[in-house]
Protein backbone atom coordinates (compact mmCIF):
# COMPACT_ATOMS: atom_id res chain seq x y z
CA UNK A 1 105.43 143.07 426.80
CA UNK A 2 107.87 139.95 426.40
CA UNK A 3 108.57 141.82 422.67
CA UNK A 4 109.90 144.64 424.03
CA UNK A 5 111.15 143.55 427.92
CA UNK A 6 112.95 140.62 426.57
CA UNK A 7 115.64 142.86 424.15
CA UNK A 8 116.00 145.53 426.45
CA UNK A 9 116.98 142.69 428.89
CA UNK A 10 119.51 141.19 426.58
CA UNK A 11 121.10 144.02 424.97
CA UNK A 12 121.55 145.82 428.84
CA UNK A 13 123.93 142.30 429.55
CA UNK A 14 125.92 142.19 426.24
CA UNK A 15 126.96 146.11 426.58
CA UNK A 16 127.44 145.50 429.94
CA UNK A 17 129.96 142.37 429.68
CA UNK A 18 131.16 144.35 426.32
CA UNK A 19 132.28 146.69 429.21
CA UNK A 20 133.61 144.81 432.32
CA UNK A 21 134.65 140.98 432.73
CA UNK A 22 133.07 141.29 436.46
CA UNK A 23 129.94 141.86 435.43
CA UNK A 24 129.59 138.69 433.50
CA UNK A 25 130.59 136.64 436.13
CA UNK A 26 128.06 137.70 438.32
CA UNK A 27 125.83 137.37 435.85
CA UNK A 28 126.91 133.87 435.28
CA UNK A 29 126.71 133.23 439.13
CA UNK A 30 122.67 134.38 438.98
CA UNK A 31 122.52 132.21 435.95
CA UNK A 32 124.20 129.02 437.47
CA UNK A 33 122.15 129.55 440.43
CA UNK A 34 119.14 129.60 438.73
CA UNK A 35 119.57 126.83 436.82
CA UNK A 36 120.49 124.73 440.42
CA UNK A 37 116.53 125.43 441.42
CA UNK A 38 115.34 124.03 438.52
CA UNK A 39 117.62 121.20 438.47
CA UNK A 40 115.80 120.67 442.26
CA UNK A 41 112.44 121.01 441.48
CA UNK A 42 112.73 118.67 438.73
CA UNK A 43 114.81 115.58 441.28
CA UNK A 44 111.62 116.76 443.97
CA UNK A 45 109.23 115.88 442.04
CA UNK A 46 111.05 112.62 439.78
CA UNK A 47 112.19 111.19 443.68
CA UNK A 48 109.23 112.44 445.60
CA UNK A 49 106.64 110.49 443.32
CA UNK A 50 104.16 113.14 443.88
CA UNK A 51 105.35 112.95 447.98
CA UNK A 52 104.42 116.61 448.00
CA UNK A 53 101.28 116.41 446.42
CA UNK A 54 100.07 113.68 449.26
CA UNK A 55 101.34 116.33 451.69
CA UNK A 56 99.78 118.59 450.85
CA UNK A 57 96.86 117.51 450.54
CA UNK A 58 96.40 116.24 453.91
CA UNK A 59 98.70 119.26 455.97
CA UNK A 60 95.75 122.19 455.22
CA UNK A 61 93.01 120.16 458.14
CA UNK A 62 94.05 123.26 460.53
CA UNK A 63 96.21 126.35 460.00
CA UNK A 64 98.99 125.82 462.05
CA UNK A 65 99.87 122.43 460.30
CA UNK A 66 98.82 124.57 456.70
CA UNK A 67 101.66 126.91 458.08
CA UNK A 68 104.13 124.53 458.92
CA UNK A 69 104.28 122.52 456.04
CA UNK A 70 104.85 125.84 454.30
CA UNK A 71 107.86 126.34 456.06
CA UNK A 72 109.00 122.69 455.79
CA UNK A 73 108.28 122.82 452.20
CA UNK A 74 110.19 126.06 450.76
CA UNK A 75 113.15 125.26 453.39
CA UNK A 76 113.35 121.48 451.59
CA UNK A 77 112.84 123.37 448.16
CA UNK A 78 114.79 126.11 448.85
CA UNK A 79 112.08 128.03 446.35
CA UNK A 80 108.86 129.66 447.58
CA UNK A 81 107.63 130.09 444.15
CA UNK A 82 107.12 126.64 443.50
CA UNK A 83 105.37 125.82 446.33
CA UNK A 84 102.92 128.61 445.95
CA UNK A 85 102.69 127.22 442.53
CA UNK A 86 102.21 123.81 443.52
CA UNK A 87 99.25 125.05 446.19
CA UNK A 88 97.56 127.23 443.20
CA UNK A 89 97.58 123.89 440.78
CA UNK A 90 95.96 122.42 444.29
CA UNK A 91 93.12 124.41 445.07
CA UNK A 92 92.22 125.03 441.20
CA UNK A 93 92.13 120.40 441.42
CA UNK A 94 89.29 121.10 444.64
CA UNK A 95 91.93 119.56 446.37
CA UNK A 96 92.30 122.44 449.23
CA UNK A 97 90.13 124.64 450.90
CA UNK A 98 91.59 128.46 450.49
CA UNK A 99 91.76 129.72 454.62
CA UNK A 100 94.11 126.06 454.20
CA UNK A 101 95.84 127.19 450.39
CA UNK A 102 96.55 130.54 452.46
CA UNK A 103 97.83 129.61 455.22
CA UNK A 104 100.23 127.72 452.96
CA UNK A 105 101.48 131.02 451.32
CA UNK A 106 102.16 132.56 455.26
CA UNK A 107 104.38 129.74 456.06
CA UNK A 108 106.22 129.71 452.99
CA UNK A 109 106.84 133.68 453.23
CA UNK A 110 108.94 132.47 456.27
CA UNK A 111 110.35 129.35 454.93
CA UNK A 112 112.27 131.33 452.37
CA UNK A 113 113.95 133.02 454.72
CA UNK A 114 116.08 129.94 455.95
CA UNK A 115 118.17 130.56 452.49
CA UNK A 116 119.22 134.21 453.77
CA UNK A 117 120.71 131.81 456.50
CA UNK A 118 122.28 129.31 454.62
CA UNK A 119 123.93 132.05 452.73
CA UNK A 120 124.56 134.58 454.78
CA UNK A 121 126.19 132.13 457.64
CA UNK A 122 127.42 129.77 455.83
CA UNK A 123 127.67 130.16 451.77
CA UNK A 124 130.40 133.61 452.29
CA UNK A 125 132.22 132.05 455.06
CA UNK A 126 133.65 128.75 453.21
CA UNK A 127 135.08 127.77 449.96
CA UNK A 128 131.49 126.36 448.73
CA UNK A 129 132.63 125.91 445.22
CA UNK A 130 135.23 123.09 446.73
CA UNK A 131 131.57 120.94 447.76
CA UNK A 132 129.63 121.74 444.16
CA UNK A 133 132.03 120.74 442.27
CA UNK A 134 131.95 117.19 443.36
CA UNK A 135 128.50 117.09 444.05
CA UNK A 136 128.36 117.89 440.41
CA UNK A 137 130.17 115.43 439.71
CA UNK A 138 128.42 112.42 441.23
CA UNK A 139 125.29 113.72 439.96
CA UNK A 140 126.14 113.23 436.51
CA UNK A 141 126.64 108.99 437.13
CA UNK A 142 122.95 108.81 439.14
CA UNK A 143 121.28 111.63 436.44
CA UNK A 144 121.80 107.92 434.07
CA UNK A 145 120.77 105.62 436.01
CA UNK A 146 117.24 103.72 435.37
CA UNK A 147 115.66 104.16 438.40
CA UNK A 148 113.59 107.19 438.65
CA UNK A 149 114.12 107.42 442.53
CA UNK A 150 118.19 107.61 441.66
CA UNK A 151 117.87 109.91 439.10
CA UNK A 152 115.83 111.85 441.34
CA UNK A 153 118.15 112.10 443.89
CA UNK A 154 120.79 113.05 440.86
CA UNK A 155 119.08 116.04 439.65
CA UNK A 156 118.25 116.99 443.22
CA UNK A 157 122.15 116.65 444.49
CA UNK A 158 123.24 119.00 440.41
CA UNK A 159 120.91 121.36 441.35
CA UNK A 160 122.31 121.81 445.00
CA UNK A 161 125.74 121.85 443.43
CA UNK A 162 125.00 124.57 440.99
CA UNK A 163 123.09 126.66 443.38
CA UNK A 164 126.95 126.45 445.43
CA UNK A 165 128.59 127.23 442.36
CA UNK A 166 126.18 129.91 441.52
CA UNK A 167 126.40 131.98 445.16
CA UNK A 168 130.29 131.77 444.57
CA UNK A 169 130.50 132.57 441.51
CA UNK A 170 128.03 136.19 442.75
CA UNK A 171 130.29 136.44 445.43
CA UNK A 172 133.82 136.23 443.63
CA UNK A 173 132.44 138.59 441.01
CA UNK A 174 131.63 141.26 443.61
CA UNK A 175 134.31 140.69 445.50
CA UNK A 176 136.01 141.68 441.84
CA UNK A 177 133.95 144.48 441.08
CA UNK A 178 134.89 146.11 444.29
CA UNK A 179 138.77 146.99 443.24
CA UNK A 180 136.89 148.21 439.79
CA UNK A 181 134.02 150.39 441.41
CA UNK A 182 132.54 151.27 444.20
CA UNK A 183 128.59 151.15 443.79
CA UNK A 184 128.49 152.23 447.91
CA UNK A 185 129.03 155.78 445.83
CA UNK A 186 124.88 155.23 444.79
CA UNK A 187 124.04 154.55 447.97
CA UNK A 188 120.60 156.56 448.68
CA UNK A 189 119.87 157.09 452.32
CA UNK A 190 116.29 158.10 454.22
CA UNK A 191 112.68 158.10 452.43
CA UNK A 192 114.49 158.50 448.57
CA UNK A 193 116.79 155.37 449.17
CA UNK A 194 113.92 152.93 450.61
CA UNK A 195 111.77 153.17 447.93
CA UNK A 196 114.38 153.13 445.16
CA UNK A 197 115.58 150.17 446.83
CA UNK A 198 112.79 148.40 447.21
CA UNK A 199 111.52 149.00 443.90
CA UNK A 200 114.62 147.53 442.43
CA UNK A 201 114.95 144.69 445.42
CA UNK A 202 111.29 144.47 443.73
CA UNK A 203 112.08 144.49 439.81
CA UNK A 204 115.20 142.01 440.36
CA UNK A 205 113.04 139.18 441.91
CA UNK A 206 110.34 140.04 439.02
CA UNK A 207 113.10 139.55 436.38
CA UNK A 208 114.90 136.92 438.44
CA UNK A 209 111.71 134.77 438.72
CA UNK A 210 113.07 134.50 442.14
CA UNK A 211 113.32 136.17 445.88
CA UNK A 212 115.99 133.65 446.99
CA UNK A 213 118.13 134.30 443.78
CA UNK A 214 117.37 138.40 444.56
CA UNK A 215 118.12 137.36 448.23
CA UNK A 216 121.60 135.84 447.21
CA UNK A 217 122.14 138.93 445.03
CA UNK A 218 121.93 141.26 447.86
CA UNK A 219 123.74 139.11 450.73
CA UNK A 220 126.86 139.02 447.82
CA UNK A 221 126.51 142.75 447.11
CA UNK A 222 126.63 143.36 451.07
CA UNK A 223 129.06 141.01 451.64
CA UNK A 224 131.40 142.69 449.33
CA UNK A 225 130.78 146.33 450.29
CA UNK A 226 128.92 146.97 447.27
CA UNK A 227 125.80 147.58 448.53
CA UNK A 228 124.59 149.31 451.45
CA UNK A 229 123.06 147.91 455.07
CA UNK A 230 119.89 150.64 454.92
CA UNK A 231 119.80 150.10 451.03
CA UNK A 232 119.88 146.23 451.02
CA UNK A 233 117.48 145.85 453.52
CA UNK A 234 115.26 147.88 450.98
CA UNK A 235 115.81 145.67 448.72
CA UNK A 236 114.83 142.64 451.02
CA UNK A 237 112.02 144.22 451.14
CA UNK A 238 110.83 144.66 447.42
CA UNK A 239 112.36 141.28 446.85
CA UNK A 240 109.10 140.04 448.81
CA UNK A 241 106.57 141.94 447.00
CA UNK A 242 108.59 140.48 443.75
CA UNK A 243 107.79 137.20 444.29
CA UNK A 244 104.25 138.05 444.30
CA UNK A 245 104.21 137.92 439.96
CA UNK A 246 104.85 133.76 440.32
CA UNK A 247 101.64 133.34 441.59
CA UNK A 248 100.33 136.28 439.24
CA UNK A 249 100.91 134.72 436.63
CA UNK A 250 100.53 130.92 437.20
CA UNK A 251 96.79 132.16 438.32
CA UNK A 252 95.93 133.41 434.87
CA UNK A 253 95.54 129.54 434.17
CA UNK A 254 93.84 129.00 437.33
CA UNK A 255 89.80 128.75 438.21
CA UNK A 256 88.99 131.25 440.79
CA UNK A 257 90.07 129.88 443.48
CA UNK A 258 93.77 129.30 442.08
CA UNK A 259 92.96 133.49 441.59
CA UNK A 260 91.79 134.54 445.31
CA UNK A 261 95.30 132.85 446.61
CA UNK A 262 97.09 134.42 444.06
CA UNK A 263 95.43 137.77 445.87
CA UNK A 264 95.68 136.94 449.00
CA UNK A 265 99.52 136.63 448.51
CA UNK A 266 99.84 140.29 446.70
CA UNK A 267 97.45 141.93 449.79
CA UNK A 268 100.17 139.72 451.72
CA UNK A 269 103.41 140.51 451.09
CA UNK A 270 102.02 143.85 449.92
CA UNK A 271 101.05 144.32 453.73
CA UNK A 272 104.68 143.02 454.95
CA UNK A 273 105.92 145.32 453.20
CA UNK A 274 104.53 148.70 453.87
CA UNK A 275 104.74 147.03 457.54
CA UNK A 276 108.32 146.93 456.98
CA UNK A 277 108.59 150.74 455.35
CA UNK A 278 107.02 151.99 458.11
CA UNK A 279 108.47 150.57 461.09
CA UNK A 280 112.11 150.30 459.56
CA UNK A 281 113.51 151.79 462.63
CA UNK A 282 111.90 149.85 464.99
CA UNK A 283 112.86 146.93 463.46
CA UNK A 284 116.93 147.50 462.71
CA UNK A 285 117.04 148.29 466.44
CA UNK A 286 115.51 144.83 467.18
CA UNK A 287 118.22 142.69 464.96
CA UNK A 288 120.76 145.07 466.27
CA UNK A 289 119.18 143.43 469.48
CA UNK A 290 118.67 140.22 468.49
CA UNK A 291 122.04 139.80 466.86
CA UNK A 292 123.86 140.92 469.92
CA UNK A 293 121.89 138.05 472.27
CA UNK A 294 123.10 135.61 469.48
CA UNK A 295 126.60 136.43 469.57
CA UNK A 296 126.63 137.88 466.10
CA UNK A 297 129.20 140.61 465.23
CA UNK A 298 128.63 144.35 464.87
CA UNK A 299 129.47 144.70 461.41
CA UNK A 300 128.26 141.05 460.29
CA UNK A 301 125.92 142.95 458.06
CA UNK A 302 125.05 139.76 455.49
CA UNK A 303 124.00 138.12 458.95
CA UNK A 304 122.48 140.70 460.48
CA UNK A 305 120.02 140.85 456.91
CA UNK A 306 118.82 137.40 457.32
CA UNK A 307 117.62 138.39 461.33
CA UNK A 308 116.00 140.81 459.26
CA UNK A 309 114.60 139.12 456.78
CA UNK A 310 112.93 137.02 459.33
CA UNK A 311 111.94 139.14 461.56
CA UNK A 312 109.23 141.28 458.94
CA UNK A 313 108.11 138.04 457.40
CA UNK A 314 107.62 136.28 461.08
CA UNK A 315 106.10 140.12 461.90
CA UNK A 316 103.87 139.93 458.73
CA UNK A 317 102.77 136.54 459.57
CA UNK A 318 101.55 137.84 463.46
CA UNK A 319 99.94 140.51 462.16
CA UNK A 320 97.68 139.05 459.24
CA UNK A 321 96.59 136.04 461.30
CA UNK A 322 94.16 137.27 463.07
CA UNK A 323 92.64 138.80 460.74
CA UNK A 324 92.53 135.63 458.52
CA UNK A 325 88.75 135.27 458.46
CA UNK A 326 88.22 138.44 457.23
CA UNK A 327 90.77 137.78 454.31
CA UNK A 328 89.67 134.86 453.19
CA UNK A 329 85.60 137.06 453.17
CA UNK A 330 86.96 139.58 451.22
CA UNK A 331 88.59 137.17 448.55
CA UNK A 332 85.19 135.15 448.19
CA UNK A 333 83.42 138.95 447.83
CA UNK A 334 86.41 140.52 445.50
CA UNK A 335 86.59 136.99 443.75
CA UNK A 336 82.90 136.14 443.51
CA UNK A 337 82.97 132.17 442.24
CA UNK A 338 80.79 131.94 438.81
CA UNK A 339 77.51 130.48 437.90
CA UNK A 340 78.30 126.56 437.16
CA UNK A 341 78.39 125.92 433.45
CA UNK A 342 78.24 122.50 433.39
CA UNK A 343 78.73 122.54 428.99
CA UNK A 344 82.45 124.10 430.14
CA UNK A 345 85.15 121.96 432.14
CA UNK A 346 84.91 122.50 436.21
CA UNK A 347 88.86 121.38 436.24
CA UNK A 348 90.73 121.15 433.90
CA UNK A 349 93.31 124.67 433.84
CA UNK A 350 96.48 125.67 432.98
CA UNK A 351 97.98 125.62 437.22
CA UNK A 352 97.13 122.20 437.17
CA UNK A 353 99.59 120.59 434.13
CA UNK A 354 102.53 120.90 435.57
CA UNK A 355 101.83 118.87 438.80
CA UNK A 356 100.96 114.81 438.50
CA UNK A 357 98.93 114.11 440.85
CA UNK A 358 96.80 117.88 440.54
CA UNK A 359 96.96 116.39 436.65
CA UNK A 360 95.42 112.82 436.83
CA UNK A 361 92.88 113.49 440.05
CA UNK A 362 91.57 116.59 438.42
CA UNK A 363 91.37 114.49 435.06
CA UNK A 364 89.09 112.28 436.99
CA UNK A 365 86.76 114.84 438.53
CA UNK A 366 86.22 116.10 434.80
CA UNK A 367 85.67 112.41 433.52
CA UNK A 368 82.49 112.67 436.85
CA UNK A 369 81.58 115.50 435.86
CA UNK A 370 81.24 114.34 432.30
CA UNK A 371 78.90 111.65 433.47
CA UNK A 372 76.88 113.49 435.66
CA UNK A 373 75.62 115.69 432.61
CA UNK A 374 75.44 112.45 430.70
CA UNK A 375 73.30 110.58 432.97
CA UNK A 376 70.87 113.55 433.13
CA UNK A 377 70.34 113.62 429.39
CA UNK A 378 70.62 109.72 429.85
CA UNK A 379 67.16 109.77 432.19
CA UNK A 380 65.31 112.88 430.76
CA UNK A 381 66.16 110.72 427.49
CA UNK A 382 64.12 108.21 428.52
CA UNK A 383 61.82 110.83 429.60
CA UNK A 384 62.56 110.40 433.67
CA UNK A 385 63.70 113.36 435.69
CA UNK A 386 66.81 112.56 437.96
CA UNK A 387 65.61 113.87 441.55
CA UNK A 388 62.82 111.35 440.77
CA UNK A 389 64.49 108.39 440.18
CA UNK A 390 67.25 109.04 442.85
CA UNK A 391 64.55 109.53 445.24
CA UNK A 392 62.25 106.48 444.36
CA UNK A 393 62.07 102.70 445.57
CA UNK A 394 60.61 101.50 442.99
CA UNK A 395 61.84 102.23 439.69
CA UNK A 396 59.56 100.40 437.51
CA UNK A 397 56.23 102.18 439.28
CA UNK A 398 57.94 105.17 438.43
CA UNK A 399 58.32 104.24 434.60
CA UNK A 400 54.82 103.36 434.35
CA UNK A 401 53.35 106.77 435.68
CA UNK A 402 56.10 108.74 433.74
CA UNK A 403 54.11 109.11 430.64
CA UNK A 404 54.93 112.81 430.33
CA UNK A 405 57.24 113.97 427.83
CA UNK A 406 60.59 115.94 429.07
CA UNK A 407 60.94 119.65 427.28
CA UNK A 408 64.40 118.18 425.63
CA UNK A 409 66.31 118.88 422.92
CA UNK A 410 68.32 115.91 422.85
CA UNK A 411 70.60 116.76 420.06
CA UNK A 412 71.69 120.41 421.02
CA UNK A 413 72.23 118.47 425.22
CA UNK A 414 74.39 116.32 423.35
CA UNK A 415 76.12 119.05 422.22
CA UNK A 416 76.33 121.67 424.44
CA UNK A 417 76.45 119.16 427.80
CA UNK A 418 78.70 116.14 426.78
CA UNK A 419 80.19 117.05 423.82
CA UNK A 420 82.43 119.87 424.39
CA UNK A 421 83.84 118.18 427.75
CA UNK A 422 85.12 114.79 426.63
CA UNK A 423 86.33 117.60 423.07
CA UNK A 424 88.14 119.38 426.83
CA UNK A 425 89.42 115.87 428.08
CA UNK A 426 90.61 114.80 424.53
CA UNK A 427 92.68 117.73 424.46
CA UNK A 428 93.65 117.60 427.52
CA UNK A 429 94.91 114.20 427.76
CA UNK A 430 95.80 114.58 424.51
CA UNK A 431 98.61 118.05 426.17
CA UNK A 432 99.13 115.55 428.90
CA UNK A 433 100.71 113.15 427.33
CA UNK A 434 102.81 115.37 425.37
CA UNK A 435 104.72 115.66 429.01
CA UNK A 436 107.16 113.09 430.69
CA UNK A 437 105.09 111.82 432.73
CA UNK A 438 105.58 108.32 434.93
CA UNK A 439 104.42 105.04 432.88
CA UNK A 440 101.47 104.38 435.66
CA UNK A 441 100.64 107.91 435.39
CA UNK A 442 100.18 107.60 431.97
CA UNK A 443 98.20 104.68 431.31
CA UNK A 444 95.86 106.33 434.55
CA UNK A 445 94.76 109.69 432.12
CA UNK A 446 94.38 107.32 429.03
CA UNK A 447 92.57 104.95 430.82
CA UNK A 448 89.96 108.16 431.86
CA UNK A 449 89.41 109.34 428.11
CA UNK A 450 88.80 105.93 427.49
CA UNK A 451 85.77 105.76 430.32
CA UNK A 452 85.24 109.30 428.59
CA UNK A 453 84.71 107.40 425.12
CA UNK A 454 82.32 104.57 426.97
CA UNK A 455 80.37 107.68 428.55
CA UNK A 456 80.28 109.79 425.34
CA UNK A 457 79.04 106.59 424.03
CA UNK A 458 76.40 105.84 426.37
CA UNK A 459 75.10 109.35 425.54
CA UNK A 460 74.94 108.05 421.75
CA UNK A 461 72.65 105.34 422.06
CA UNK A 462 70.34 107.05 424.47
CA UNK A 463 70.50 109.44 421.10
CA UNK A 464 68.63 107.04 419.09
CA UNK A 465 66.41 105.99 421.47
CA UNK A 466 64.57 108.82 421.97
CA UNK A 467 62.56 109.29 418.97
CA UNK A 468 60.74 106.25 419.43
CA UNK A 469 60.42 106.74 423.91
CA UNK A 470 58.45 109.38 422.39
CA UNK A 471 56.70 107.52 420.33
CA UNK A 472 56.19 104.64 422.14
CA UNK A 473 55.50 105.75 426.06
CA UNK A 474 54.02 108.89 425.70
CA UNK A 475 50.32 107.01 425.83
CA UNK A 476 49.96 103.38 427.44
CA UNK A 477 49.27 100.88 423.64
CA UNK A 478 50.01 98.00 424.61
CA UNK A 479 52.63 95.16 425.05
CA UNK A 480 55.09 97.41 423.44
CA UNK A 481 54.82 100.39 425.72
CA UNK A 482 55.58 97.71 427.72
CA UNK A 483 58.96 96.53 426.37
CA UNK A 484 59.76 100.08 425.78
CA UNK A 485 58.89 100.64 429.63
CA UNK A 486 61.13 97.54 430.52
CA UNK A 487 64.02 99.05 428.32
CA UNK A 488 63.95 102.79 430.46
CA UNK A 489 63.49 100.43 433.63
CA UNK A 490 67.04 98.65 433.29
CA UNK A 491 68.83 101.54 432.35
CA UNK A 492 67.61 103.79 434.93
CA UNK A 493 68.39 100.76 437.34
CA UNK A 494 71.92 100.74 436.33
CA UNK A 495 72.49 104.54 436.16
CA UNK A 496 70.91 104.26 440.19
CA UNK A 497 73.20 101.56 440.80
CA UNK A 498 76.60 103.41 439.21
CA UNK A 499 75.51 106.07 441.85
CA UNK A 500 75.84 103.71 445.27
CA UNK A 501 78.85 102.69 443.87
CA UNK A 502 80.39 105.50 443.56
CA UNK A 503 78.91 106.66 447.12
CA UNK A 504 80.87 103.89 448.80
CA UNK A 505 84.91 104.66 450.10
CA UNK A 506 86.91 103.01 447.34
CA UNK A 507 87.97 99.78 449.59
CA UNK A 508 84.51 99.01 449.89
CA UNK A 509 83.38 99.02 446.10
CA UNK A 510 82.54 95.84 444.18
CA UNK A 511 83.05 94.20 440.72
CA UNK A 512 80.63 91.72 441.88
CA UNK A 513 77.42 93.39 441.00
CA UNK A 514 78.80 94.72 437.61
CA UNK A 515 79.79 91.11 436.69
CA UNK A 516 76.10 89.92 437.52
CA UNK A 517 74.78 93.10 435.67
CA UNK A 518 76.88 92.21 433.06
CA UNK A 519 75.48 88.69 432.59
CA UNK A 520 72.05 89.03 432.70
CA UNK A 521 72.43 92.25 430.34
CA UNK A 522 74.31 90.06 427.43
CA UNK A 523 71.18 87.24 428.57
CA UNK A 524 68.63 89.51 427.50
CA UNK A 525 70.10 90.49 424.57
CA UNK A 526 70.35 87.03 423.30
CA UNK A 527 66.91 86.49 424.23
CA UNK A 528 65.26 89.32 423.10
CA UNK A 529 65.01 88.20 419.94
CA UNK A 530 63.01 85.40 420.80
CA UNK A 531 60.52 87.70 422.44
CA UNK A 532 59.71 89.64 420.20
CA UNK A 533 59.07 86.64 417.76
CA UNK A 534 56.17 85.01 420.20
CA UNK A 535 54.72 88.50 420.50
CA UNK A 536 54.58 88.70 417.08
CA UNK A 537 53.30 85.25 416.42
CA UNK A 538 50.45 85.87 419.26
CA UNK A 539 49.32 89.02 418.08
CA UNK A 540 50.24 91.59 420.48
CA UNK A 541 53.13 92.92 418.35
CA UNK A 542 53.13 94.54 415.19
CA UNK A 543 55.52 93.80 412.80
CA UNK A 544 56.55 97.24 412.59
CA UNK A 545 56.67 97.43 416.08
CA UNK A 546 59.12 94.46 416.30
CA UNK A 547 61.22 95.70 414.01
CA UNK A 548 61.34 99.49 416.05
CA UNK A 549 62.30 97.88 419.80
CA UNK A 550 64.38 95.18 417.87
CA UNK A 551 66.51 98.09 416.67
CA UNK A 552 66.16 99.81 419.91
CA UNK A 553 66.61 97.33 422.54
CA UNK A 554 70.07 96.69 420.47
CA UNK A 555 71.33 100.40 420.80
CA UNK A 556 69.69 100.30 425.10
CA UNK A 557 71.35 97.46 425.40
CA UNK A 558 74.25 99.07 424.25
CA UNK A 559 73.66 101.95 426.41
CA UNK A 560 73.29 99.71 430.14
CA UNK A 561 77.21 98.15 428.53
CA UNK A 562 79.39 101.32 428.59
CA UNK A 563 77.14 102.48 431.78
CA UNK A 564 78.51 98.84 433.63
CA UNK A 565 82.00 99.73 431.58
CA UNK A 566 82.63 103.21 433.00
CA UNK A 567 81.41 101.98 436.09
CA UNK A 568 83.68 99.61 437.15
CA UNK A 569 87.20 101.45 435.09
CA UNK A 570 86.32 104.01 436.59
CA UNK A 571 85.53 103.25 440.93
CA UNK A 572 87.06 99.62 441.09
CA UNK A 573 90.37 100.26 442.22
CA UNK A 574 92.63 97.22 440.91
CA UNK A 575 95.20 97.45 443.44
CA UNK A 576 93.30 96.47 446.36
CA UNK A 577 93.00 93.14 448.29
CA UNK A 578 89.67 92.87 447.59
CA UNK A 579 89.69 93.87 443.73
CA UNK A 580 92.40 90.92 443.57
CA UNK A 581 89.80 89.08 444.87
CA UNK A 582 87.51 89.92 442.94
CA UNK A 583 89.25 89.47 439.87
CA UNK A 584 89.61 85.78 440.56
CA UNK A 585 85.43 85.44 440.88
CA UNK A 586 84.86 87.93 437.98
CA UNK A 587 83.25 86.13 435.23
CA UNK A 588 84.69 85.47 431.96
CA UNK A 589 82.97 85.08 428.55
CA UNK A 590 82.36 81.12 428.98
CA UNK A 591 80.54 81.65 432.49
CA UNK A 592 77.68 84.52 431.67
CA UNK A 593 75.26 81.54 430.34
CA UNK A 594 75.49 79.94 433.74
CA UNK A 595 75.54 82.68 436.42
CA UNK A 596 71.68 83.40 434.47
CA UNK A 597 70.41 80.11 435.90
CA UNK A 598 68.01 81.75 438.62
CA UNK A 599 65.44 83.66 435.86
CA UNK A 600 64.87 86.50 438.72
CA UNK A 601 67.50 88.92 438.87
CA UNK A 602 68.51 90.47 442.11
CA UNK A 603 66.01 92.94 442.12
CA UNK A 604 63.67 91.17 442.26
CA UNK A 605 62.45 91.95 437.67
CA UNK A 606 61.15 88.38 435.46
CA UNK A 607 62.52 88.13 432.46
CA UNK A 608 59.61 86.35 430.33
CA UNK A 609 59.19 85.83 427.12
CA UNK A 610 56.18 88.11 427.16
CA UNK A 611 56.71 91.24 428.27
CA UNK A 612 59.04 92.82 431.89
CA UNK A 613 56.82 92.83 435.48
CA UNK A 614 57.56 93.37 438.51
CA UNK A 615 56.20 90.64 440.74
CA UNK A 616 53.69 90.42 443.29
């Protein structure tokens, strides 16, 4: 589609520039205004340090709070499109509920009316270009500072300056246009006028990707007398319809929740527009009544348009709120949640790419998804069932009873449920690395990629174990079975403990168990050769079985090390006071031997030269 419409738009602009220099000024004003909006958005992202995202996550506990957040954030950013895109991003990452996202969209529609008030009440009545120039000049000094916050303030200040400058040029262009041609000759009345100018407002917003820019364009044209009041009202209604295009485009890269929100945005704005068109006459009378009450001059049509824009957006929210629950139910029926496919990424999609907060959180969730797939494959590879392992109080007894082989092609399971997810994580982190992320966020993103690599390595180790697990544990074969059961028990117990660690609140998680477990693993790994030698000398273990076990114990201890490393890097919060204390107590390599002074480990297993048994 871009191949056709882009050349047509560029050609039409060049042709208009050829015939009129005033069109150049109006077009330049729109371009400067949009550039200012982009700078304002970039500045807020830098300055906020994720504050908007954190507020968004907390602001959806109730519908009134969500609506209030939508109003305030859109008022500050002067962009309902940006708020919509951020909301879709958070919804796709699973951080906010659908009803909260819809509430924010409702509020954003009301918040976008503040821009019309600002332009009509201030921008058209004073020379705002005189304020724009100093703001732009001061912003350049801040933009080149090293501090991220100062640079953010600089971008935001420049954005405001360019917004003001763009409004000034649009106003000047329409004022000059009035001397050459009177566009009011093309005014249309009645239903035809409502339809045509609503369509013009919609089209302008789709092209400009900003209802705010369209409203400024309408207001400046109205103030210059280049469009009639009635047609301006219709164009404002059309702008509300057109603003949904940004959310719809963003939803293409989102998951089912993001698509639901985009559909809700379209339904809400279309319903609001239809109500406004049907009730255009009483709404216009209401505008006149309110204008008289607050002292707006009868001929100040720009201010009246701002009043109208506010009335029909508030009316739309008031009409839709009683049907909010039904709207959510309709969205859930219309766009159903797909059956979960554990082999595909759940949280990594294009909708979350633009915002560091959602990018990082979605990546953490996807790594956890990979870990869940991996632990299921690991336990099945050991001939253990997840639900039984996680519900038992005696892992060793469960392992001894688990002789029936689990139907599993571990190679295929690895390819479908682990490798594909890991590839998606690597691709996502590479894409994230191409963005200008804060160094701290970038470090955490790459750390999550490394965690995913450790998870994959643990699965690969169990893949190597699988053959001899089937060979030696399906039926009792004496001490070799007990040895392999010991490995199965230890791996399963670590999986259980890591799961418990994830259930604690971040501030309650402790790294001390991880250090103790690491020490035990290293001690067992070092004593394995001695144990096997003793068993061979006593005639309890054949050389063939001993060789297999020595190789497999290396894989098993490698898997245990990787799981411990995963737990530490994923769950332990290093910025908490408890973590700092634990880092002082954390064992270094030289202290591992001392940690094993007590031969009985914390879970009650004796580690002997002969076998691994549960004490009576």
